PDB file of N, CA and C in Angstrom:
ATOM      1  N   MET A   1      50.489 151.430  92.908  1.00  0.00           N
ATOM      2  CA  MET A   1      51.911 151.695  92.815  1.00  0.00           C
ATOM      3  C   MET A   1      52.228 152.159  91.393  1.00  0.00           C
ATOM      4  N   THR A   2      53.237 152.998  91.261  1.00  0.00           N
ATOM      5  CA  THR A   2      53.645 153.531  89.969  1.00  0.00           C
ATOM      6  C   THR A   2      54.980 152.941  89.557  1.00  0.00           C
ATOM      7  N   ALA A   3      55.104 152.604  88.290  1.00  0.00           N
ATOM      8  CA  ALA A   3      56.367 152.073  87.778  1.00  0.00           C
ATOM      9  C   ALA A   3      57.330 153.224  87.516  1.00  0.00           C
ATOM     10  N   VAL A   4      58.599 152.990  87.856  1.00  0.00           N
ATOM     11  CA  VAL A   4      59.657 153.977  87.654  1.00  0.00           C
ATOM     12  C   VAL A   4      60.857 153.258  87.055  1.00  0.00           C
ATOM     13  N   SER A   5      61.523 153.910  86.131  1.00  0.00           N
ATOM     14  CA  SER A   5      62.732 153.341  85.546  1.00  0.00           C
ATOM     15  C   SER A   5      63.935 153.881  86.300  1.00  0.00           C
ATOM     16  N   LEU A   6      64.870 153.003  86.612  1.00  0.00           N
ATOM     17  CA  LEU A   6      66.039 153.396  87.391  1.00  0.00           C
ATOM     18  C   LEU A   6      67.276 152.714  86.834  1.00  0.00           C
ATOM     19  N   ARG A   7      68.284 153.495  86.513  1.00  0.00           N
ATOM     20  CA  ARG A   7      69.553 152.933  86.041  1.00  0.00           C
ATOM     21  C   ARG A   7      70.513 152.877  87.228  1.00  0.00           C
ATOM     22  N   LEU A   8      70.991 151.687  87.511  1.00  0.00           N
ATOM     23  CA  LEU A   8      71.906 151.489  88.635  1.00  0.00           C
ATOM     24  C   LEU A   8      73.310 151.206  88.137  1.00  0.00           C
ATOM     25  N   PRO A   9      74.296 151.706  88.859  1.00  0.00           N
ATOM     26  CA  PRO A   9      75.665 151.287  88.547  1.00  0.00           C
ATOM     27  C   PRO A   9      75.764 149.766  88.718  1.00  0.00           C
ATOM     28  N   GLU A  10      76.631 149.160  87.972  1.00  0.00           N
ATOM     29  CA  GLU A  10      76.753 147.697  87.966  1.00  0.00           C
ATOM     30  C   GLU A  10      76.978 147.118  89.365  1.00  0.00           C
ATOM     31  N   ASP A  11      77.817 147.781  90.172  1.00  0.00           N
ATOM     32  CA  ASP A  11      78.097 147.252  91.511  1.00  0.00           C
ATOM     33  C   ASP A  11      76.846 147.257  92.393  1.00  0.00           C
ATOM     34  N   LEU A  12      76.019 148.302  92.295  1.00  0.00           N
ATOM     35  CA  LEU A  12      74.781 148.323  93.075  1.00  0.00           C
ATOM     36  C   LEU A  12      73.796 147.279  92.581  1.00  0.00           C
ATOM     37  N   LYS A  13      73.718 147.111  91.266  1.00  0.00           N
ATOM     38  CA  LYS A  13      72.842 146.089  90.695  1.00  0.00           C
ATOM     39  C   LYS A  13      73.234 144.711  91.194  1.00  0.00           C
ATOM     40  N   ASN A  14      74.536 144.427  91.217  1.00  0.00           N
ATOM     41  CA  ASN A  14      75.018 143.127  91.682  1.00  0.00           C
ATOM     42  C   ASN A  14      74.710 142.913  93.161  1.00  0.00           C
ATOM     43  N   ARG A  15      74.906 143.951  93.958  1.00  0.00           N
ATOM     44  CA  ARG A  15      74.604 143.840  95.389  1.00  0.00           C
ATOM     45  C   ARG A  15      73.116 143.604  95.602  1.00  0.00           C
ATOM     46  N   LEU A  16      72.292 144.320  94.866  1.00  0.00           N
ATOM     47  CA  LEU A  16      70.842 144.169  94.970  1.00  0.00           C
ATOM     48  C   LEU A  16      70.417 142.771  94.534  1.00  0.00           C
ATOM     49  N   ASP A  17      70.970 142.293  93.439  1.00  0.00           N
ATOM     50  CA  ASP A  17      70.678 140.928  92.976  1.00  0.00           C
ATOM     51  C   ASP A  17      71.035 139.900  94.045  1.00  0.00           C
ATOM     52  N   ARG A  18      72.228 140.047  94.611  1.00  0.00           N
ATOM     53  CA  ARG A  18      72.711 139.099  95.615  1.00  0.00           C
ATOM     54  C   ARG A  18      71.814 139.111  96.860  1.00  0.00           C
ATOM     55  N   LEU A  19      71.473 140.316  97.335  1.00  0.00           N
ATOM     56  CA  LEU A  19      70.616 140.419  98.515  1.00  0.00           C
ATOM     57  C   LEU A  19      69.245 139.823  98.252  1.00  0.00           C
ATOM     58  N   SER A  20      68.706 140.090  97.098  1.00  0.00           N
ATOM     59  CA  SER A  20      67.404 139.563  96.735  1.00  0.00           C
ATOM     60  C   SER A  20      67.411 138.034  96.717  1.00  0.00           C
ATOM     61  N   LYS A  21      68.454 137.447  96.137  1.00  0.00           N
ATOM     62  CA  LYS A  21      68.562 135.983  96.083  1.00  0.00           C
ATOM     63  C   LYS A  21      68.758 135.383  97.471  1.00  0.00           C
ATOM     64  N   LEU A  22      69.577 136.039  98.308  1.00  0.00           N
ATOM     65  CA  LEU A  22      69.839 135.519  99.652  1.00  0.00           C
ATOM     66  C   LEU A  22      68.608 135.526 100.546  1.00  0.00           C
ATOM     67  N   THR A  23      67.771 136.530 100.376  1.00  0.00           N
ATOM     68  CA  THR A  23      66.636 136.703 101.287  1.00  0.00           C
ATOM     69  C   THR A  23      65.308 136.230 100.725  1.00  0.00           C
ATOM     70  N   GLY A  24      65.255 136.055  99.407  1.00  0.00           N
ATOM     71  CA  GLY A  24      63.992 135.665  98.796  1.00  0.00           C
ATOM     72  C   GLY A  24      63.025 136.825  98.617  1.00  0.00           C
ATOM     73  N   ARG A  25      63.464 138.020  98.893  1.00  0.00           N
ATOM     74  CA  ARG A  25      62.626 139.207  98.690  1.00  0.00           C
ATOM     75  C   ARG A  25      62.933 139.793  97.318  1.00  0.00           C
ATOM     76  N   SER A  26      61.984 140.536  96.803  1.00  0.00           N
ATOM     77  CA  SER A  26      62.172 141.104  95.466  1.00  0.00           C
ATOM     78  C   SER A  26      63.127 142.293  95.495  1.00  0.00           C
ATOM     79  N   LYS A  27      63.723 142.554  94.351  1.00  0.00           N
ATOM     80  CA  LYS A  27      64.578 143.735  94.227  1.00  0.00           C
ATOM     81  C   LYS A  27      63.745 144.998  94.426  1.00  0.00           C
ATOM     82  N   THR A  28      62.509 144.956  93.954  1.00  0.00           N
ATOM     83  CA  THR A  28      61.616 146.107  94.133  1.00  0.00           C
ATOM     84  C   THR A  28      61.409 146.402  95.616  1.00  0.00           C
ATOM     85  N   PHE A  29      61.238 145.366  96.418  1.00  0.00           N
ATOM     86  CA  PHE A  29      61.069 145.556  97.852  1.00  0.00           C
ATOM     87  C   PHE A  29      62.235 146.355  98.424  1.00  0.00           C
ATOM     88  N   TYR A  30      63.451 145.949  98.094  1.00  0.00           N
ATOM     89  CA  TYR A  30      64.625 146.630  98.640  1.00  0.00           C
ATOM     90  C   TYR A  30      64.804 148.035  98.076  1.00  0.00           C
ATOM     91  N   MET A  31      64.460 148.240  96.829  1.00  0.00           N
ATOM     92  CA  MET A  31      64.566 149.588  96.265  1.00  0.00           C
ATOM     93  C   MET A  31      63.566 150.532  96.927  1.00  0.00           C
ATOM     94  N   VAL A  32      62.339 150.061  97.136  1.00  0.00           N
ATOM     95  CA  VAL A  32      61.334 150.886  97.800  1.00  0.00           C
ATOM     96  C   VAL A  32      61.760 151.185  99.234  1.00  0.00           C
ATOM     97  N   GLU A  33      62.258 150.181  99.944  1.00  0.00           N
ATOM     98  CA  GLU A  33      62.729 150.384 101.321  1.00  0.00           C
ATOM     99  C   GLU A  33      63.862 151.404 101.379  1.00  0.00           C
ATOM    100  N   ALA A  34      64.824 151.264 100.497  1.00  0.00           N
ATOM    101  CA  ALA A  34      65.978 152.161 100.486  1.00  0.00           C
ATOM    102  C   ALA A  34      65.569 153.594 100.174  1.00  0.00           C
ATOM    103  N   ILE A  35      64.707 153.761  99.185  1.00  0.00           N
ATOM    104  CA  ILE A  35      64.262 155.105  98.813  1.00  0.00           C
ATOM    105  C   ILE A  35      63.449 155.720  99.946  1.00  0.00           C
ATOM    106  N   SER A  36      62.579 154.940 100.540  1.00  0.00           N
ATOM    107  CA  SER A  36      61.748 155.437 101.639  1.00  0.00           C
ATOM    108  C   SER A  36      62.600 155.909 102.819  1.00  0.00           C
ATOM    109  N   GLU A  37      63.571 155.078 103.215  1.00  0.00           N
ATOM    110  CA  GLU A  37      64.443 155.452 104.340  1.00  0.00           C
ATOM    111  C   GLU A  37      65.256 156.697 104.026  1.00  0.00           C
ATOM    112  N   LYS A  38      65.786 156.777 102.824  1.00  0.00           N
ATOM    113  CA  LYS A  38      66.602 157.936 102.446  1.00  0.00           C
ATOM    114  C   LYS A  38      65.752 159.202 102.390  1.00  0.00           C
ATOM    115  N   LEU A  39      64.538 159.095 101.867  1.00  0.00           N
ATOM    116  CA  LEU A  39      63.652 160.254 101.817  1.00  0.00           C
ATOM    117  C   LEU A  39      63.328 160.756 103.222  1.00  0.00           C
ATOM    118  N   GLU A  40      63.085 159.838 104.156  1.00  0.00           N
ATOM    119  CA  GLU A  40      62.832 160.241 105.538  1.00  0.00           C
ATOM    120  C   GLU A  40      64.026 161.003 106.102  1.00  0.00           C
ATOM    121  N   ASP A  41      65.223 160.503 105.841  1.00  0.00           N
ATOM    122  CA  ASP A  41      66.435 161.189 106.306  1.00  0.00           C
ATOM    123  C   ASP A  41      66.552 162.580 105.691  1.00  0.00           C
ATOM    124  N   LEU A  42      66.301 162.684 104.395  1.00  0.00           N
ATOM    125  CA  LEU A  42      66.402 163.977 103.713  1.00  0.00           C
ATOM    126  C   LEU A  42      65.324 164.950 104.197  1.00  0.00           C
ATOM    127  N   GLU A  43      64.119 164.442 104.437  1.00  0.00           N
ATOM    128  CA  GLU A  43      63.056 165.300 104.968  1.00  0.00           C
ATOM    129  C   GLU A  43      63.416 165.811 106.359  1.00  0.00           C
ATOM    130  N   ASP A  44      63.965 164.938 107.205  1.00  0.00           N
ATOM    131  CA  ASP A  44      64.397 165.358 108.542  1.00  0.00           C
ATOM    132  C   ASP A  44      65.496 166.406 108.456  1.00  0.00           C
ATOM    133  N   LEU A  45      66.437 166.204 107.559  1.00  0.00           N
ATOM    134  CA  LEU A  45      67.521 167.157 107.377  1.00  0.00           C
ATOM    135  C   LEU A  45      66.977 168.507 106.924  1.00  0.00           C
ATOM    136  N   TYR A  46      66.058 168.503 105.983  1.00  0.00           N
ATOM    137  CA  TYR A  46      65.461 169.744 105.498  1.00  0.00           C
ATOM    138  C   TYR A  46      64.765 170.478 106.646  1.00  0.00           C
ATOM    139  N   LEU A  47      63.975 169.765 107.456  1.00  0.00           N
ATOM    140  CA  LEU A  47      63.291 170.397 108.583  1.00  0.00           C
ATOM    141  C   LEU A  47      64.281 170.973 109.587  1.00  0.00           C
ATOM    142  N   ALA A  48      65.354 170.242 109.854  1.00  0.00           N
ATOM    143  CA  ALA A  48      66.380 170.735 110.785  1.00  0.00           C
ATOM    144  C   ALA A  48      67.048 171.995 110.239  1.00  0.00           C
ATOM    145  N   GLU A  49      67.323 172.008 108.940  1.00  0.00           N
ATOM    146  CA  GLU A  49      67.932 173.195 108.331  1.00  0.00           C
ATOM    147  C   GLU A  49      66.983 174.386 108.406  1.00  0.00           C
ATOM    148  N   GLN A  50      65.703 174.161 108.143  1.00  0.00           N
ATOM    149  CA  GLN A  50      64.723 175.240 108.217  1.00  0.00           C
ATOM    150  C   GLN A  50      64.582 175.769 109.642  1.00  0.00           C
ATOM    151  N   ARG A  51      64.597 174.853 110.602  1.00  0.00           N
ATOM    152  CA  ARG A  51      64.510 175.242 112.018  1.00  0.00           C
ATOM    153  C   ARG A  51      65.730 176.074 112.418  1.00  0.00           C
ATOM    154  N   THR A  52      66.902 175.674 111.972  1.00  0.00           N
ATOM    155  CA  THR A  52      68.130 176.411 112.270  1.00  0.00           C
ATOM    156  C   THR A  52      68.074 177.808 111.668  1.00  0.00           C
ATOM    157  N   LEU A  53      67.625 177.912 110.427  1.00  0.00           N
ATOM    158  CA  LEU A  53      67.505 179.219 109.787  1.00  0.00           C
ATOM    159  C   LEU A  53      66.509 180.110 110.526  1.00  0.00           C
ATOM    160  N   ALA A  54      65.386 179.539 110.957  1.00  0.00           N
ATOM    161  CA  ALA A  54      64.380 180.306 111.701  1.00  0.00           C
ATOM    162  C   ALA A  54      64.934 180.786 113.033  1.00  0.00           C
ATOM    163  N   LEU A  55      65.692 179.920 113.709  1.00  0.00           N
ATOM    164  CA  LEU A  55      66.310 180.318 114.985  1.00  0.00           C
ATOM    165  C   LEU A  55      67.286 181.468 114.773  1.00  0.00           C
ATOM    166  N   ARG A  56      68.126 181.352 113.766  1.00  0.00           N
ATOM    167  CA  ARG A  56      69.124 182.395 113.488  1.00  0.00           C
ATOM    168  C   ARG A  56      68.478 183.716 113.096  1.00  0.00           C
ATOM    169  N   ALA A  57      67.329 183.639 112.444  1.00  0.00           N
ATOM    170  CA  ALA A  57      66.631 184.848 112.001  1.00  0.00           C
ATOM    171  C   ALA A  57      65.723 185.416 113.091  1.00  0.00           C
ATOM    172  N   GLY A  58      65.645 184.739 114.225  1.00  0.00           N
ATOM    173  CA  GLY A  58      64.805 185.214 115.316  1.00  0.00           C
ATOM    174  C   GLY A  58      63.329 184.921 115.132  1.00  0.00           C
ATOM    175  N   ARG A  59      62.962 184.046 114.213  1.00  0.00           N
ATOM    176  CA  ARG A  59      61.559 183.698 113.972  1.00  0.00           C
ATOM    177  C   ARG A  59      61.109 182.506 114.809  1.00  0.00           C
ATOM    178  N   SER A  60      62.013 181.968 115.591  1.00  0.00           N
ATOM    179  CA  SER A  60      61.721 180.796 116.410  1.00  0.00           C
ATOM    180  C   SER A  60      62.607 180.851 117.639  1.00  0.00           C
ATOM    181  N   ARG A  61      62.290 180.035 118.622  1.00  0.00           N
ATOM    182  CA  ARG A  61      63.128 179.992 119.812  1.00  0.00           C
ATOM    183  C   ARG A  61      63.190 178.571 120.350  1.00  0.00           C
ATOM    184  N   THR A  62      64.098 178.360 121.273  1.00  0.00           N
ATOM    185  CA  THR A  62      64.230 177.056 121.918  1.00  0.00           C
ATOM    186  C   THR A  62      63.679 177.148 123.331  1.00  0.00           C
ATOM    187  N   TYR A  63      63.390 175.988 123.891  1.00  0.00           N
ATOM    188  CA  TYR A  63      62.873 175.903 125.249  1.00  0.00           C
ATOM    189  C   TYR A  63      63.691 174.890 126.028  1.00  0.00           C
ATOM    190  N   THR A  64      63.953 175.183 127.278  1.00  0.00           N
ATOM    191  CA  THR A  64      64.656 174.232 128.129  1.00  0.00           C
ATOM    192  C   THR A  64      63.659 173.182 128.622  1.00  0.00           C
ATOM    193  N   VAL A  65      64.182 172.099 129.135  1.00  0.00           N
ATOM    194  CA  VAL A  65      63.318 171.070 129.726  1.00  0.00           C
ATOM    195  C   VAL A  65      62.536 171.669 130.883  1.00  0.00           C
ATOM    196  N   ASP A  66      63.187 172.516 131.672  1.00  0.00           N
ATOM    197  CA  ASP A  66      62.499 173.164 132.791  1.00  0.00           C
ATOM    198  C   ASP A  66      61.316 174.003 132.312  1.00  0.00           C
ATOM    199  N   ASP A  67      61.529 174.777 131.229  1.00  0.00           N
ATOM    200  CA  ASP A  67      60.438 175.578 130.656  1.00  0.00           C
ATOM    201  C   ASP A  67      59.251 174.700 130.268  1.00  0.00           C
ATOM    202  N   VAL A  68      59.531 173.610 129.593  1.00  0.00           N
ATOM    203  CA  VAL A  68      58.469 172.713 129.124  1.00  0.00           C
ATOM    204  C   VAL A  68      57.750 172.069 130.301  1.00  0.00           C
ATOM    205  N   GLU A  69      58.506 171.604 131.279  1.00  0.00           N
ATOM    206  CA  GLU A  69      57.881 170.989 132.461  1.00  0.00           C
ATOM    207  C   GLU A  69      56.976 171.974 133.181  1.00  0.00           C
ATOM    208  N   LYS A  70      57.419 173.214 133.357  1.00  0.00           N
ATOM    209  CA  LYS A  70      56.595 174.233 134.015  1.00  0.00           C
ATOM    210  C   LYS A  70      55.345 174.499 133.210  1.00  0.00           C
ATOM    211  N   ARG A  71      55.488 174.663 131.918  1.00  0.00           N
ATOM    212  CA  ARG A  71      54.331 174.972 131.073  1.00  0.00           C
ATOM    213  C   ARG A  71      53.305 173.838 131.080  1.00  0.00           C
ATOM    214  N   LEU A  72      53.778 172.603 131.170  1.00  0.00           N
ATOM    215  CA  LEU A  72      52.872 171.451 131.176  1.00  0.00           C
ATOM    216  C   LEU A  72      52.433 171.049 132.581  1.00  0.00           C
ATOM    217  N   GLY A  73      52.904 171.780 133.591  1.00  0.00           N
ATOM    218  CA  GLY A  73      52.537 171.466 134.970  1.00  0.00           C
ATOM    219  C   GLY A  73      53.128 170.180 135.480  1.00  0.00           C
ATOM    220  N   LEU A  74      54.351 169.879 135.027  1.00  0.00           N
ATOM    221  CA  LEU A  74      54.995 168.628 135.416  1.00  0.00           C
ATOM    222  C   LEU A  74      56.016 168.818 136.525  1.00  0.00           C
ATOM    223  N   VAL A  75      56.130 170.028 137.042  1.00  0.00           N
ATOM    224  CA  VAL A  75      57.105 170.314 138.080  1.00  0.00           C
ATOM    225  C   VAL A  75      56.624 169.735 139.393  1.00  0.00           C
ATOM    226  N   ASP A  76      57.524 169.041 140.086  1.00  0.00           N
ATOM    227  CA  ASP A  76      57.157 168.423 141.382  1.00  0.00           C
ATOM    228  C   ASP A  76      57.096 169.451 142.475  1.00  0.00           C
TER     229      ASP A  76
END
């Protein structure tokens, strides 16, 4: 693991302190969890934006459920 310095606004620091004391988990645990979850959200957003741009530019297309079922041989 790598050490990182982070300056938090006082209200966030207080909330983090309180949560850490209530749960017995470290502040580092919650900071890593929060950053990880937010990064996943931002990565998903970036991929969605790229997909939208590709669709608009004609470099990609969408498929209906029927199309996918037929292609996979799932049609009854």
